[in-house]
Each structure stands twice: as C-alpha cells, then as structure tokens.
Amino acid sequence: MEINSLMSSQLMELQQTVQLSVMQSALNLNTSAAIELLQDIPEQQVPTHPYKGSIIDISI
C-alpha cells in the first residue's frame, strides 16, 4: 500500500513538472511571436507640428 501511495505522489509531481514545462514553452513561443510582430511593424515617423519652430511668439 505504501509503494502505491509513493508512486501516486511521484506521478502527481511528474504531471506538475510536465505541465510547467509545457506552459514555459508556450510562453516562450508567444514571446517570440510578439517580438517578431513588433519588429515587423514599420517605424512610423512622428508627425511634425504644423508651426513648431517656424513661428516665434514672444510676450513681454
């Protein structure tokens, strides 16, 4: 009976380890995919201000 209990607890530990391993692999895959998507986005230029730098407004 004790061997059965020991094997049962070891099986549960193994299942937990495998689940964690699968989750880690999925997270790594999702991270890689997100990085690729971000790298594929073309760099957008910041729109220039309509009059910034061309008009001087001085008040005294």
Protein backbone atom coordinates (compact mmCIF):
# COMPACT_ATOMS: atom_id res chain seq x y z
CA MET A 1 0.00 0.00 0.00
CA GLU A 2 2.84 2.40 0.81
CA ILE A 3 4.53 1.83 -2.57
CA ASN A 4 1.26 2.64 -4.31
CA SER A 5 0.97 5.91 -2.38
CA LEU A 6 4.60 6.81 -3.13
CA MET A 7 4.17 6.13 -6.84
CA SER A 8 0.97 8.13 -6.87
CA SER A 9 2.67 11.18 -5.34
CA GLN A 10 5.61 10.84 -7.75
CA LEU A 11 3.19 10.68 -10.68
CA MET A 12 1.46 13.86 -9.49
CA GLU A 13 4.85 15.62 -9.21
CA LEU A 14 5.79 14.46 -12.70
CA GLN A 15 2.48 15.70 -14.11
CA GLN A 16 3.03 19.09 -12.46
CA THR A 17 6.57 19.29 -13.86
CA VAL A 18 5.36 18.44 -17.35
CA GLN A 19 2.55 21.00 -17.11
CA LEU A 20 5.01 23.69 -16.02
CA SER A 21 7.34 22.74 -18.85
CA VAL A 22 4.54 22.96 -21.41
CA MET A 23 3.42 26.32 -20.02
CA GLN A 24 7.00 27.64 -20.15
CA SER A 25 7.35 26.52 -23.76
CA ALA A 26 4.06 28.19 -24.68
CA LEU A 27 5.12 31.43 -23.02
CA ASN A 28 8.46 31.38 -24.83
CA LEU A 29 6.70 30.77 -28.15
CA ASN A 30 4.23 33.61 -27.52
CA THR A 31 7.07 35.93 -26.51
CA SER A 32 8.98 35.11 -29.68
CA ALA A 33 5.89 35.70 -31.80
CA ALA A 34 5.21 39.05 -30.11
CA ILE A 35 8.80 40.17 -30.65
CA GLU A 36 8.60 39.23 -34.33
CA LEU A 37 5.35 41.16 -34.72
CA LEU A 38 6.85 44.22 -33.06
CA GLN A 39 9.93 44.03 -35.27
CA ASP A 40 7.80 43.73 -38.40
CA ILE A 41 5.87 46.91 -37.64
CA PRO A 42 7.29 49.63 -39.87
CA GLU A 43 8.75 52.54 -37.98
CA GLN A 44 6.26 55.33 -38.05
CA GLN A 45 7.54 58.85 -38.29
CA VAL A 46 6.26 61.24 -35.70
CA PRO A 47 4.04 63.82 -37.42
CA THR A 48 5.59 67.24 -37.43
CA HIS A 49 3.91 70.05 -35.57
CA PRO A 50 2.19 72.45 -38.03
CA TYR A 51 4.04 75.56 -36.88
CA LYS A 52 6.59 74.40 -34.31
CA GLY A 53 9.93 76.03 -35.00
CA SER A 54 8.61 78.36 -37.71
CA ILE A 55 6.75 80.91 -35.57
CA ILE A 56 8.16 82.77 -32.61
CA ASP A 57 5.68 84.05 -30.05
CA ILE A 58 7.27 86.40 -27.53
CA SER A 59 5.27 88.23 -24.89
CA ILE A 60 6.76 90.83 -22.61
